[in-house]
């Protein structure tokens, strides 16, 4: 470290402490970090690469909304999923922005990846809308998703304090809702949510729904909105196999446990025939978990264990007949015929 560098450092340090530099530049207020607005677009969105234009599009839309003279901005948001449950599943969400005279300002459409659901598409549309809203603009957001309305009311309630545990109990998209909560707290947004009945007579909401459907088959023309999950309240999110877990953690662990149990069951040589059969496993587990008259939740007894064992034996077609008993206790049952 040179002597010149040290002398310059001391000189600037003295100038800031005595406010000489503040008075000269007349920027004391601007240099106060607590009063400087955060760049939420850079904070919550990945730039990815120069071919992903979602980041730039959202910034340009925000600038356009800022420059408009309209007193109120109207956002119509929607999201949908196509071919759910297949390898060709696809999801698109859309936002259409109007001024107070219902003149179109701009529109934004994007695709989704990983843990694709219709509710996630709706939630991503709401989250992206919050990134577009500049401070000081009165905005109304129209959505047909009751889940967004309920979660928003919970986060903005003056009576209930929403903790980390509360958000982790959300059935899905809890990582995105941590970002939304931080957005709502960081800047005073003048927003109002309006519930629209799905496929109602609302022309503007039906328009965004139509444009989303028209873009299926052309998803390669749309950019994927990549989110950074770095909210202060959820700095260490749960990751499984390199993918962020976006559902209720307890339900996720229960789901993984059940899948692992089913995998062990199918890998047994005696059960190999079930690998090629088209089994409705949802019905199977509904039958196995159905409570009998004397069964109670979170309790166990020899009777309940016996009932469950008998159900499994019926499932694998091994009812304890004489032939089956001979396999385990041949010395006792070898002379039995019925």
C-alpha atoms as a PDB file:
ATOM      1  CA  UNK A   1       0.000   0.000   0.000  1.00  0.00           C
ATOM      2  CA  UNK A   2       1.609   3.261  -1.145  1.00  0.00           C
ATOM      3  CA  UNK A   3       2.091   6.399   0.927  1.00  0.00           C
ATOM      4  CA  UNK A   4       0.075   8.398  -1.628  1.00  0.00           C
ATOM      5  CA  UNK A   5      -2.913   6.041  -1.267  1.00  0.00           C
ATOM      6  CA  UNK A   6      -2.865   6.373   2.519  1.00  0.00           C
ATOM      7  CA  UNK A   7      -2.711  10.165   2.384  1.00  0.00           C
ATOM      8  CA  UNK A   8      -5.646  10.302  -0.062  1.00  0.00           C
ATOM      9  CA  UNK A   9      -7.635   7.922   2.138  1.00  0.00           C
ATOM     10  CA  UNK A  10      -7.065  10.083   5.221  1.00  0.00           C
ATOM     11  CA  UNK A  11      -7.946  13.256   3.310  1.00  0.00           C
ATOM     12  CA  UNK A  12     -11.256  11.888   2.028  1.00  0.00           C
ATOM     13  CA  UNK A  13     -12.064  10.410   5.423  1.00  0.00           C
ATOM     14  CA  UNK A  14     -11.562  13.849   7.023  1.00  0.00           C
ATOM     15  CA  UNK A  15     -13.674  15.517   4.314  1.00  0.00           C
ATOM     16  CA  UNK A  16     -16.613  13.159   4.918  1.00  0.00           C
ATOM     17  CA  UNK A  17     -16.397  13.408   8.725  1.00  0.00           C
ATOM     18  CA  UNK A  18     -16.420  17.219   8.654  1.00  0.00           C
ATOM     19  CA  UNK A  19     -19.112  17.243   5.918  1.00  0.00           C
ATOM     20  CA  UNK A  20     -16.945  19.348   3.631  1.00  0.00           C
ATOM     21  CA  UNK A  21     -17.564  16.936   0.767  1.00  0.00           C
ATOM     22  CA  UNK A  22     -21.291  16.817   1.501  1.00  0.00           C
ATOM     23  CA  UNK A  23     -21.625  20.603   1.317  1.00  0.00           C
ATOM     24  CA  UNK A  24     -19.531  20.828  -1.817  1.00  0.00           C
ATOM     25  CA  UNK A  25     -21.530  18.202  -3.711  1.00  0.00           C
ATOM     26  CA  UNK A  26     -24.889  18.971  -2.070  1.00  0.00           C
ATOM     27  CA  UNK A  27     -25.605  15.254  -2.078  1.00  0.00           C
ATOM     28  CA  UNK A  28     -25.819  14.478   1.611  1.00  0.00           C
ATOM     29  CA  UNK A  29     -29.357  13.158   1.299  1.00  0.00           C
ATOM     30  CA  UNK A  30     -28.492  11.048  -1.758  1.00  0.00           C
ATOM     31  CA  UNK A  31     -25.525   9.497  -0.019  1.00  0.00           C
ATOM     32  CA  UNK A  32     -27.645   8.263   2.867  1.00  0.00           C
ATOM     33  CA  UNK A  33     -27.910   4.524   2.164  1.00  0.00           C
ATOM     34  CA  UNK A  34     -31.080   4.190   4.222  1.00  0.00           C
ATOM     35  CA  UNK A  35     -32.907   6.618   1.933  1.00  0.00           C
ATOM     36  CA  UNK A  36     -31.603   5.283  -1.360  1.00  0.00           C
ATOM     37  CA  UNK A  37     -34.183   3.086  -3.143  1.00  0.00           C
ATOM     38  CA  UNK A  38     -33.149  -0.507  -3.779  1.00  0.00           C
ATOM     39  CA  UNK A  39     -32.919  -1.873  -7.265  1.00  0.00           C
ATOM     40  CA  UNK A  40     -35.330  -4.746  -6.691  1.00  0.00           C
ATOM     41  CA  UNK A  41     -35.116  -5.988 -10.279  1.00  0.00           C
ATOM     42  CA  UNK A  42     -31.399  -6.694  -9.938  1.00  0.00           C
ATOM     43  CA  UNK A  43     -31.921  -7.996  -6.439  1.00  0.00           C
ATOM     44  CA  UNK A  44     -34.583 -10.585  -7.189  1.00  0.00           C
ATOM     45  CA  UNK A  45     -33.988 -11.535 -10.838  1.00  0.00           C
ATOM     46  CA  UNK A  46     -31.139 -13.445 -12.423  1.00  0.00           C
ATOM     47  CA  UNK A  47     -29.627 -11.822 -15.497  1.00  0.00           C
ATOM     48  CA  UNK A  48     -28.625 -15.247 -16.762  1.00  0.00           C
ATOM     49  CA  UNK A  49     -27.120 -14.465 -20.188  1.00  0.00           C
ATOM     50  CA  UNK A  50     -27.510 -11.864 -22.894  1.00  0.00           C
ATOM     51  CA  UNK A  51     -30.037 -14.035 -24.721  1.00  0.00           C
ATOM     52  CA  UNK A  52     -32.505 -13.929 -21.793  1.00  0.00           C
ATOM     53  CA  UNK A  53     -34.276 -10.603 -22.180  1.00  0.00           C
ATOM     54  CA  UNK A  54     -36.762 -10.975 -19.300  1.00  0.00           C
ATOM     55  CA  UNK A  55     -34.616  -8.849 -16.981  1.00  0.00           C
ATOM     56  CA  UNK A  56     -34.369  -5.994 -19.495  1.00  0.00           C
ATOM     57  CA  UNK A  57     -38.053  -6.209 -20.483  1.00  0.00           C
ATOM     58  CA  UNK A  58     -39.252  -5.840 -16.891  1.00  0.00           C
ATOM     59  CA  UNK A  59     -36.980  -2.832 -16.350  1.00  0.00           C
ATOM     60  CA  UNK A  60     -38.228  -1.111 -19.516  1.00  0.00           C
ATOM     61  CA  UNK A  61     -41.850  -1.717 -18.548  1.00  0.00           C
ATOM     62  CA  UNK A  62     -41.204  -0.203 -15.117  1.00  0.00           C
ATOM     63  CA  UNK A  63     -39.642   2.872 -16.743  1.00  0.00           C
ATOM     64  CA  UNK A  64     -42.627   3.202 -19.070  1.00  0.00           C
ATOM     65  CA  UNK A  65     -45.058   2.993 -16.145  1.00  0.00           C
ATOM     66  CA  UNK A  66     -43.019   5.626 -14.270  1.00  0.00           C
ATOM     67  CA  UNK A  67     -43.162   8.048 -17.185  1.00  0.00           C
ATOM     68  CA  UNK A  68     -46.898   7.688 -17.826  1.00  0.00           C
ATOM     69  CA  UNK A  69     -49.138  10.513 -16.583  1.00  0.00           C
ATOM     70  CA  UNK A  70     -51.988   8.221 -15.611  1.00  0.00           C
ATOM     71  CA  UNK A  71     -53.062   8.567 -11.979  1.00  0.00           C
ATOM     72  CA  UNK A  72     -53.843   4.860 -11.667  1.00  0.00           C
ATOM     73  CA  UNK A  73     -52.286   1.807 -13.306  1.00  0.00           C
ATOM     74  CA  UNK A  74     -54.304  -1.373 -13.890  1.00  0.00           C
ATOM     75  CA  UNK A  75     -52.601  -4.788 -13.979  1.00  0.00           C
ATOM     76  CA  UNK A  76     -54.410  -7.875 -15.266  1.00  0.00           C
ATOM     77  CA  UNK A  77     -52.495 -11.053 -14.415  1.00  0.00           C
ATOM     78  CA  UNK A  78     -53.093 -14.717 -15.163  1.00  0.00           C
ATOM     79  CA  UNK A  79     -51.242 -18.006 -15.513  1.00  0.00           C
ATOM     80  CA  UNK A  80     -51.984 -21.466 -16.850  1.00  0.00           C
ATOM     81  CA  UNK A  81     -50.518 -24.943 -17.359  1.00  0.00           C
ATOM     82  CA  UNK A  82     -50.912 -27.252 -20.323  1.00  0.00           C
ATOM     83  CA  UNK A  83     -50.310 -31.025 -20.546  1.00  0.00           C
ATOM     84  CA  UNK A  84     -49.985 -31.338 -16.781  1.00  0.00           C
ATOM     85  CA  UNK A  85     -48.744 -34.726 -15.602  1.00  0.00           C
ATOM     86  CA  UNK A  86     -46.881 -35.443 -18.850  1.00  0.00           C
ATOM     87  CA  UNK A  87     -43.326 -34.900 -20.023  1.00  0.00           C
ATOM     88  CA  UNK A  88     -44.610 -32.158 -22.356  1.00  0.00           C
ATOM     89  CA  UNK A  89     -45.913 -29.994 -19.509  1.00  0.00           C
ATOM     90  CA  UNK A  90     -45.671 -26.256 -20.207  1.00  0.00           C
ATOM     91  CA  UNK A  91     -46.670 -23.137 -18.314  1.00  0.00           C
ATOM     92  CA  UNK A  92     -47.025 -19.478 -19.262  1.00  0.00           C
ATOM     93  CA  UNK A  93     -48.011 -16.483 -17.170  1.00  0.00           C
ATOM     94  CA  UNK A  94     -48.955 -13.066 -18.492  1.00  0.00           C
ATOM     95  CA  UNK A  95     -49.360  -9.457 -17.362  1.00  0.00           C
ATOM     96  CA  UNK A  96     -51.209  -6.743 -19.269  1.00  0.00           C
ATOM     97  CA  UNK A  97     -50.909  -3.142 -18.068  1.00  0.00           C
ATOM     98  CA  UNK A  98     -53.450  -0.368 -18.739  1.00  0.00           C
ATOM     99  CA  UNK A  99     -53.818   3.283 -17.757  1.00  0.00           C
ATOM    100  CA  UNK A 100     -56.916   4.720 -16.078  1.00  0.00           C
ATOM    101  CA  UNK A 101     -58.581   5.072 -19.511  1.00  0.00           C
ATOM    102  CA  UNK A 102     -58.051   1.337 -20.238  1.00  0.00           C
ATOM    103  CA  UNK A 103     -55.406   2.097 -22.860  1.00  0.00           C
ATOM    104  CA  UNK A 104     -52.742  -0.592 -23.129  1.00  0.00           C
ATOM    105  CA  UNK A 105     -49.358   0.547 -21.782  1.00  0.00           C
ATOM    106  CA  UNK A 106     -47.430  -2.712 -22.180  1.00  0.00           C
ATOM    107  CA  UNK A 107     -47.666  -6.467 -21.721  1.00  0.00           C
ATOM    108  CA  UNK A 108     -45.346  -9.199 -20.508  1.00  0.00           C
ATOM    109  CA  UNK A 109     -45.418 -12.989 -20.971  1.00  0.00           C
ATOM    110  CA  UNK A 110     -42.987 -15.564 -19.649  1.00  0.00           C
ATOM    111  CA  UNK A 111     -42.521 -19.320 -19.223  1.00  0.00           C
ATOM    112  CA  UNK A 112     -41.891 -21.373 -16.075  1.00  0.00           C
ATOM    113  CA  UNK A 113     -39.506 -24.185 -15.215  1.00  0.00           C
ATOM    114  CA  UNK A 114     -39.329 -26.639 -12.291  1.00  0.00           C
ATOM    115  CA  UNK A 115     -42.216 -27.535  -9.948  1.00  0.00           C
ATOM    116  CA  UNK A 116     -44.720 -26.310 -12.538  1.00  0.00           C
ATOM    117  CA  UNK A 117     -48.250 -25.729 -11.244  1.00  0.00           C
ATOM    118  CA  UNK A 118     -51.059 -23.336 -12.146  1.00  0.00           C
ATOM    119  CA  UNK A 119     -50.772 -21.620  -8.748  1.00  0.00           C
ATOM    120  CA  UNK A 120     -47.044 -21.074  -9.266  1.00  0.00           C
ATOM    121  CA  UNK A 121     -47.762 -19.423 -12.621  1.00  0.00           C
ATOM    122  CA  UNK A 122     -50.278 -17.091 -10.946  1.00  0.00           C
ATOM    123  CA  UNK A 123     -47.856 -16.350  -8.090  1.00  0.00           C
ATOM    124  CA  UNK A 124     -45.022 -15.574 -10.497  1.00  0.00           C
ATOM    125  CA  UNK A 125     -47.293 -13.166 -12.358  1.00  0.00           C
ATOM    126  CA  UNK A 126     -48.069 -11.368  -9.075  1.00  0.00           C
ATOM    127  CA  UNK A 127     -44.393 -11.278  -8.038  1.00  0.00           C
ATOM    128  CA  UNK A 128     -43.303  -9.895 -11.423  1.00  0.00           C
ATOM    129  CA  UNK A 129     -46.035  -7.265 -11.228  1.00  0.00           C
ATOM    130  CA  UNK A 130     -44.661  -6.029  -7.885  1.00  0.00           C
ATOM    131  CA  UNK A 131     -41.231  -5.620  -9.512  1.00  0.00           C
ATOM    132  CA  UNK A 132     -42.782  -3.446 -12.232  1.00  0.00           C
ATOM    133  CA  UNK A 133     -44.614  -1.070  -9.883  1.00  0.00           C
ATOM    134  CA  UNK A 134     -42.701   2.168  -9.223  1.00  0.00           C
ATOM    135  CA  UNK A 135     -43.052   3.836  -5.804  1.00  0.00           C
ATOM    136  CA  UNK A 136     -45.764   6.463  -5.635  1.00  0.00           C
ATOM    137  CA  UNK A 137     -48.007   4.989  -8.326  1.00  0.00           C
ATOM    138  CA  UNK A 138     -51.493   3.871  -7.372  1.00  0.00           C
ATOM    139  CA  UNK A 139     -52.026   0.417  -8.833  1.00  0.00           C
ATOM    140  CA  UNK A 140     -54.865  -2.099  -8.967  1.00  0.00           C
ATOM    141  CA  UNK A 141     -54.114  -5.745  -9.669  1.00  0.00           C
ATOM    142  CA  UNK A 142     -56.857  -7.988 -11.055  1.00  0.00           C
ATOM    143  CA  UNK A 143     -56.460 -11.742 -10.550  1.00  0.00           C
ATOM    144  CA  UNK A 144     -58.690 -14.820 -10.526  1.00  0.00           C
ATOM    145  CA  UNK A 145     -56.474 -16.676  -8.024  1.00  0.00           C
ATOM    146  CA  UNK A 146     -57.940 -16.801  -4.507  1.00  0.00           C
ATOM    147  CA  UNK A 147     -54.649 -18.198  -3.171  1.00  0.00           C
ATOM    148  CA  UNK A 148     -52.874 -14.913  -4.020  1.00  0.00           C
ATOM    149  CA  UNK A 149     -55.628 -12.877  -2.340  1.00  0.00           C
ATOM    150  CA  UNK A 150     -55.462 -14.961   0.852  1.00  0.00           C
ATOM    151  CA  UNK A 151     -51.667 -14.913   1.143  1.00  0.00           C
ATOM    152  CA  UNK A 152     -51.467 -11.194   0.377  1.00  0.00           C
ATOM    153  CA  UNK A 153     -54.054 -10.390   3.060  1.00  0.00           C
ATOM    154  CA  UNK A 154     -52.091 -12.503   5.534  1.00  0.00           C
ATOM    155  CA  UNK A 155     -48.776 -10.783   4.778  1.00  0.00           C
ATOM    156  CA  UNK A 156     -50.232  -7.262   4.961  1.00  0.00           C
ATOM    157  CA  UNK A 157     -52.430  -7.828   8.011  1.00  0.00           C
ATOM    158  CA  UNK A 158     -52.015  -5.299  10.840  1.00  0.00           C
ATOM    159  CA  UNK A 159     -53.252  -7.844  13.376  1.00  0.00           C
ATOM    160  CA  UNK A 160     -51.323 -11.012  12.532  1.00  0.00           C
ATOM    161  CA  UNK A 161     -47.516 -11.034  12.375  1.00  0.00           C
ATOM    162  CA  UNK A 162     -46.396 -13.479   9.687  1.00  0.00           C
ATOM    163  CA  UNK A 163     -43.300 -15.405  10.774  1.00  0.00           C
ATOM    164  CA  UNK A 164     -40.904 -17.582   8.797  1.00  0.00           C
ATOM    165  CA  UNK A 165     -42.674 -20.672  10.068  1.00  0.00           C
ATOM    166  CA  UNK A 166     -46.033 -19.359   8.849  1.00  0.00           C
ATOM    167  CA  UNK A 167     -44.753 -18.886   5.284  1.00  0.00           C
ATOM    168  CA  UNK A 168     -43.050 -22.289   5.306  1.00  0.00           C
ATOM    169  CA  UNK A 169     -46.481 -23.764   6.040  1.00  0.00           C
ATOM    170  CA  UNK A 170     -47.835 -22.395   2.747  1.00  0.00           C
ATOM    171  CA  UNK A 171     -48.857 -25.327   0.594  1.00  0.00           C
ATOM    172  CA  UNK A 172     -46.636 -24.185  -2.299  1.00  0.00           C
ATOM    173  CA  UNK A 173     -44.321 -21.461  -3.637  1.00  0.00           C
ATOM    174  CA  UNK A 174     -43.156 -20.428  -0.159  1.00  0.00           C
ATOM    175  CA  UNK A 175     -39.727 -19.307  -1.471  1.00  0.00           C
ATOM    176  CA  UNK A 176     -41.397 -16.842  -3.860  1.00  0.00           C
ATOM    177  CA  UNK A 177     -43.659 -15.581  -1.069  1.00  0.00           C
ATOM    178  CA  UNK A 178     -40.599 -14.750   1.052  1.00  0.00           C
ATOM    179  CA  UNK A 179     -39.462 -12.450  -1.784  1.00  0.00           C
ATOM    180  CA  UNK A 180     -42.967 -10.976  -2.074  1.00  0.00           C
ATOM    181  CA  UNK A 181     -43.096 -10.293   1.680  1.00  0.00           C
ATOM    182  CA  UNK A 182     -39.765  -8.495   1.516  1.00  0.00           C
ATOM    183  CA  UNK A 183     -40.911  -6.445  -1.480  1.00  0.00           C
ATOM    184  CA  UNK A 184     -44.039  -5.348   0.361  1.00  0.00           C
ATOM    185  CA  UNK A 185     -41.985  -4.329   3.406  1.00  0.00           C
ATOM    186  CA  UNK A 186     -39.105  -2.594   1.599  1.00  0.00           C
ATOM    187  CA  UNK A 187     -41.096  -0.068  -0.356  1.00  0.00           C
ATOM    188  CA  UNK A 188     -44.479   1.496   0.298  1.00  0.00           C
ATOM    189  CA  UNK A 189     -46.584   0.242  -2.567  1.00  0.00           C
ATOM    190  CA  UNK A 190     -50.032   1.712  -3.086  1.00  0.00           C
ATOM    191  CA  UNK A 191     -51.700  -1.409  -4.441  1.00  0.00           C
ATOM    192  CA  UNK A 192     -55.131  -2.978  -4.307  1.00  0.00           C
ATOM    193  CA  UNK A 193     -56.025  -6.549  -5.240  1.00  0.00           C
ATOM    194  CA  UNK A 194     -59.335  -7.321  -6.933  1.00  0.00           C
ATOM    195  CA  UNK A 195     -60.688 -10.855  -7.286  1.00  0.00           C
ATOM    196  CA  UNK A 196     -62.038 -11.625 -10.747  1.00  0.00           C
ATOM    197  CA  UNK A 197     -64.199 -14.680 -11.368  1.00  0.00           C
ATOM    198  CA  UNK A 198     -62.465 -17.048 -13.773  1.00  0.00           C
ATOM    199  CA  UNK A 199     -63.914 -16.926 -17.311  1.00  0.00           C
ATOM    200  CA  UNK A 200     -66.310 -14.164 -16.296  1.00  0.00           C
ATOM    201  CA  UNK A 201     -67.457 -11.233 -18.428  1.00  0.00           C
ATOM    202  CA  UNK A 202     -64.389  -9.126 -17.575  1.00  0.00           C
ATOM    203  CA  UNK A 203     -63.139  -8.291 -21.072  1.00  0.00           C
ATOM    204  CA  UNK A 204     -59.634  -7.198 -20.082  1.00  0.00           C
ATOM    205  CA  UNK A 205     -58.995 -10.256 -17.920  1.00  0.00           C
ATOM    206  CA  UNK A 206     -60.326 -12.543 -20.627  1.00  0.00           C
ATOM    207  CA  UNK A 207     -57.923 -10.857 -23.040  1.00  0.00           C
ATOM    208  CA  UNK A 208     -54.831 -11.783 -21.027  1.00  0.00           C
ATOM    209  CA  UNK A 209     -56.161 -15.340 -20.712  1.00  0.00           C
ATOM    210  CA  UNK A 210     -56.645 -15.525 -24.491  1.00  0.00           C
ATOM    211  CA  UNK A 211     -53.167 -14.179 -25.259  1.00  0.00           C
ATOM    212  CA  UNK A 212     -51.591 -16.738 -22.931  1.00  0.00           C
ATOM    213  CA  UNK A 213     -53.381 -19.574 -24.745  1.00  0.00           C
ATOM    214  CA  UNK A 214     -52.307 -18.168 -28.124  1.00  0.00           C
ATOM    215  CA  UNK A 215     -48.658 -18.388 -27.086  1.00  0.00           C
ATOM    216  CA  UNK A 216     -48.672 -22.127 -26.400  1.00  0.00           C
ATOM    217  CA  UNK A 217     -46.658 -23.847 -29.086  1.00  0.00           C
ATOM    218  CA  UNK A 218     -44.470 -20.745 -29.374  1.00  0.00           C
ATOM    219  CA  UNK A 219     -42.875 -20.947 -25.921  1.00  0.00           C
ATOM    220  CA  UNK A 220     -39.401 -20.810 -27.451  1.00  0.00           C
ATOM    221  CA  UNK A 221     -40.096 -17.156 -28.280  1.00  0.00           C
ATOM    222  CA  UNK A 222     -40.646 -16.322 -24.603  1.00  0.00           C
ATOM    223  CA  UNK A 223     -37.957 -15.731 -22.012  1.00  0.00           C
ATOM    224  CA  UNK A 224     -37.949 -17.566 -18.696  1.00  0.00           C
ATOM    225  CA  UNK A 225     -38.144 -15.247 -15.668  1.00  0.00           C
ATOM    226  CA  UNK A 226     -35.323 -16.474 -13.425  1.00  0.00           C
ATOM    227  CA  UNK A 227     -35.770 -15.617  -9.746  1.00  0.00           C
ATOM    228  CA  UNK A 228     -33.088 -15.158  -7.106  1.00  0.00           C
ATOM    229  CA  UNK A 229     -34.230 -16.469  -3.731  1.00  0.00           C
ATOM    230  CA  UNK A 230     -32.164 -14.340  -1.378  1.00  0.00           C
ATOM    231  CA  UNK A 231     -34.693 -12.871   1.039  1.00  0.00           C
ATOM    232  CA  UNK A 232     -33.216 -11.983   4.418  1.00  0.00           C
ATOM    233  CA  UNK A 233     -35.910 -13.987   6.186  1.00  0.00           C
ATOM    234  CA  UNK A 234     -35.118 -17.130   4.169  1.00  0.00           C
ATOM    235  CA  UNK A 235     -31.410 -16.992   3.425  1.00  0.00           C
ATOM    236  CA  UNK A 236     -30.829 -20.765   3.477  1.00  0.00           C
ATOM    237  CA  UNK A 237     -33.642 -22.412   1.481  1.00  0.00           C
ATOM    238  CA  UNK A 238     -34.042 -26.178   1.339  1.00  0.00           C
ATOM    239  CA  UNK A 239     -32.623 -27.778  -1.822  1.00  0.00           C
ATOM    240  CA  UNK A 240     -33.205 -31.327  -3.036  1.00  0.00           C
ATOM    241  CA  UNK A 241     -31.093 -32.794  -5.863  1.00  0.00           C
ATOM    242  CA  UNK A 242     -30.065 -29.282  -6.888  1.00  0.00           C
ATOM    243  CA  UNK A 243     -33.678 -28.028  -7.054  1.00  0.00           C
ATOM    244  CA  UNK A 244     -35.237 -25.570  -4.656  1.00  0.00           C
ATOM    245  CA  UNK A 245     -38.072 -27.072  -2.605  1.00  0.00           C
ATOM    246  CA  UNK A 246     -41.067 -24.784  -3.134  1.00  0.00           C
ATOM    247  CA  UNK A 247     -43.743 -26.662  -1.212  1.00  0.00           C
ATOM    248  CA  UNK A 248     -44.595 -27.223   2.432  1.00  0.00           C
ATOM    249  CA  UNK A 249     -41.453 -28.837   3.886  1.00  0.00           C
ATOM    250  CA  UNK A 250     -43.316 -31.350   6.056  1.00  0.00           C
ATOM    251  CA  UNK A 251     -45.432 -32.492   3.124  1.00  0.00           C
ATOM    252  CA  UNK A 252     -42.322 -32.725   0.959  1.00  0.00           C
ATOM    253  CA  UNK A 253     -40.536 -34.966   3.489  1.00  0.00           C
ATOM    254  CA  UNK A 254     -43.662 -37.114   3.821  1.00  0.00           C
ATOM    255  CA  UNK A 255     -43.892 -37.402   0.025  1.00  0.00           C
ATOM    256  CA  UNK A 256     -40.221 -38.401  -0.294  1.00  0.00           C
ATOM    257  CA  UNK A 257     -40.631 -41.018   2.455  1.00  0.00           C
ATOM    258  CA  UNK A 258     -43.650 -42.547   0.738  1.00  0.00           C
ATOM    259  CA  UNK A 259     -41.943 -42.627  -2.648  1.00  0.00           C
ATOM    260  CA  UNK A 260     -38.856 -44.303  -1.158  1.00  0.00           C
ATOM    261  CA  UNK A 261     -41.084 -46.868   0.572  1.00  0.00           C
ATOM    262  CA  UNK A 262     -42.905 -47.637  -2.682  1.00  0.00           C
ATOM    263  CA  UNK A 263     -39.585 -47.953  -4.500  1.00  0.00           C
ATOM    264  CA  UNK A 264     -38.335 -50.504  -1.962  1.00  0.00           C
ATOM    265  CA  UNK A 265     -41.611 -52.421  -2.287  1.00  0.00           C
ATOM    266  CA  UNK A 266     -41.371 -52.584  -6.094  1.00  0.00           C
ATOM    267  CA  UNK A 267     -37.700 -53.605  -5.999  1.00  0.00           C
ATOM    268  CA  UNK A 268     -38.509 -56.777  -4.080  1.00  0.00           C
ATOM    269  CA  UNK A 269     -38.288 -59.756  -6.404  1.00  0.00           C
ATOM    270  CA  UNK A 270     -41.655 -61.084  -5.218  1.00  0.00           C
ATOM    271  CA  UNK A 271     -43.311 -57.820  -6.351  1.00  0.00           C
ATOM    272  CA  UNK A 272     -41.673 -57.526  -9.765  1.00  0.00           C
ATOM    273  CA  UNK A 273     -44.972 -58.125 -11.556  1.00  0.00           C
ATOM    274  CA  UNK A 274     -46.291 -54.771 -10.290  1.00  0.00           C
ATOM    275  CA  UNK A 275     -43.561 -52.901 -12.197  1.00  0.00           C
ATOM    276  CA  UNK A 276     -45.170 -53.716 -15.537  1.00  0.00           C
ATOM    277  CA  UNK A 277     -48.811 -53.507 -14.411  1.00  0.00           C
ATOM    278  CA  UNK A 278     -50.775 -50.279 -14.700  1.00  0.00           C
ATOM    279  CA  UNK A 279     -51.610 -49.947 -10.993  1.00  0.00           C
ATOM    280  CA  UNK A 280     -53.674 -47.044  -9.630  1.00  0.00           C
ATOM    281  CA  UNK A 281     -51.458 -46.460  -6.615  1.00  0.00           C
ATOM    282  CA  UNK A 282     -53.616 -43.601  -5.332  1.00  0.00           C
ATOM    283  CA  UNK A 283     -56.505 -46.028  -4.871  1.00  0.00           C
ATOM    284  CA  UNK A 284     -54.184 -48.634  -3.339  1.00  0.00           C
ATOM    285  CA  UNK A 285     -52.887 -46.234  -0.675  1.00  0.00           C
ATOM    286  CA  UNK A 286     -56.407 -44.935  -0.047  1.00  0.00           C
ATOM    287  CA  UNK A 287     -57.439 -48.516   0.700  1.00  0.00           C
ATOM    288  CA  UNK A 288     -54.432 -49.215   2.914  1.00  0.00           C
ATOM    289  CA  UNK A 289     -54.859 -46.020   4.929  1.00  0.00           C
ATOM    290  CA  UNK A 290     -58.629 -46.232   5.270  1.00  0.00           C
ATOM    291  CA  UNK A 291     -59.530 -46.321   8.930  1.00  0.00           C
ATOM    292  CA  UNK A 292     -61.748 -49.030  10.283  1.00  0.00           C
ATOM    293  CA  UNK A 293     -64.318 -48.485  12.966  1.00  0.00           C
ATOM    294  CA  UNK A 294     -61.896 -49.066  15.844  1.00  0.00           C
ATOM    295  CA  UNK A 295     -58.894 -47.340  14.249  1.00  0.00           C
ATOM    296  CA  UNK A 296     -57.848 -43.898  15.459  1.00  0.00           C
ATOM    297  CA  UNK A 297     -55.335 -41.458  13.999  1.00  0.00           C
ATOM    298  CA  UNK A 298     -51.905 -41.347  15.687  1.00  0.00           C
ATOM    299  CA  UNK A 299     -52.655 -44.502  17.653  1.00  0.00           C
ATOM    300  CA  UNK A 300     -51.498 -48.047  17.237  1.00  0.00           C
ATOM    301  CA  UNK A 301     -52.561 -51.416  18.579  1.00  0.00           C
ATOM    302  CA  UNK A 302     -52.276 -55.077  17.744  1.00  0.00           C
ATOM    303  CA  UNK A 303     -55.697 -54.951  16.121  1.00  0.00           C
ATOM    304  CA  UNK A 304     -54.716 -52.072  13.813  1.00  0.00           C
ATOM    305  CA  UNK A 305     -51.410 -53.764  12.944  1.00  0.00           C
ATOM    306  CA  UNK A 306     -53.272 -56.971  12.106  1.00  0.00           C
ATOM    307  CA  UNK A 307     -55.767 -55.116   9.897  1.00  0.00           C
ATOM    308  CA  UNK A 308     -52.964 -53.355   8.009  1.00  0.00           C
ATOM    309  CA  UNK A 309     -51.054 -56.631   7.566  1.00  0.00           C
ATOM    310  CA  UNK A 310     -54.145 -58.355   6.207  1.00  0.00           C
ATOM    311  CA  UNK A 311     -54.675 -55.523   3.699  1.00  0.00           C
ATOM    312  CA  UNK A 312     -51.118 -55.857   2.430  1.00  0.00           C
ATOM    313  CA  UNK A 313     -51.512 -59.623   2.145  1.00  0.00           C
ATOM    314  CA  UNK A 314     -54.659 -59.173   0.090  1.00  0.00           C
ATOM    315  CA  UNK A 315     -52.794 -56.718  -2.087  1.00  0.00           C
ATOM    316  CA  UNK A 316     -49.953 -59.101  -2.867  1.00  0.00           C
ATOM    317  CA  UNK A 317     -52.340 -62.082  -3.038  1.00  0.00           C
ATOM    318  CA  UNK A 318     -50.793 -63.909  -0.120  1.00  0.00           C
ATOM    319  CA  UNK A 319     -53.773 -64.622   2.120  1.00  0.00           C
ATOM    320  CA  UNK A 320     -52.569 -67.016   4.867  1.00  0.00           C
ATOM    321  CA  UNK A 321     -53.811 -70.269   3.336  1.00  0.00           C
ATOM    322  CA  UNK A 322     -52.341 -73.640   4.247  1.00  0.00           C
ATOM    323  CA  UNK A 323     -49.932 -73.469   1.307  1.00  0.00           C
ATOM    324  CA  UNK A 324     -48.609 -70.131   2.513  1.00  0.00           C
ATOM    325  CA  UNK A 325     -48.291 -71.362   6.098  1.00  0.00           C
ATOM    326  CA  UNK A 326     -46.268 -74.348   4.889  1.00  0.00           C
ATOM    327  CA  UNK A 327     -43.630 -71.936   3.558  1.00  0.00           C
ATOM    328  CA  UNK A 328     -42.969 -70.541   7.006  1.00  0.00           C
ATOM    329  CA  UNK A 329     -43.759 -73.550   9.251  1.00  0.00           C
ATOM    330  CA  UNK A 330     -43.502 -76.648   7.105  1.00  0.00           C
ATOM    331  CA  UNK A 331     -42.946 -79.031  10.040  1.00  0.00           C
ATOM    332  CA  UNK A 332     -46.279 -78.049  11.534  1.00  0.00           C
ATOM    333  CA  UNK A 333     -48.462 -77.789   8.423  1.00  0.00           C
ATOM    334  CA  UNK A 334     -46.902 -80.364   6.062  1.00  0.00           C
ATOM    335  CA  UNK A 335     -49.727 -82.895   6.525  1.00  0.00           C
ATOM    336  CA  UNK A 336     -52.524 -80.309   6.390  1.00  0.00           C
ATOM    337  CA  UNK A 337     -54.562 -80.277   3.206  1.00  0.00           C
ATOM    338  CA  UNK A 338     -57.178 -77.641   3.941  1.00  0.00           C
END
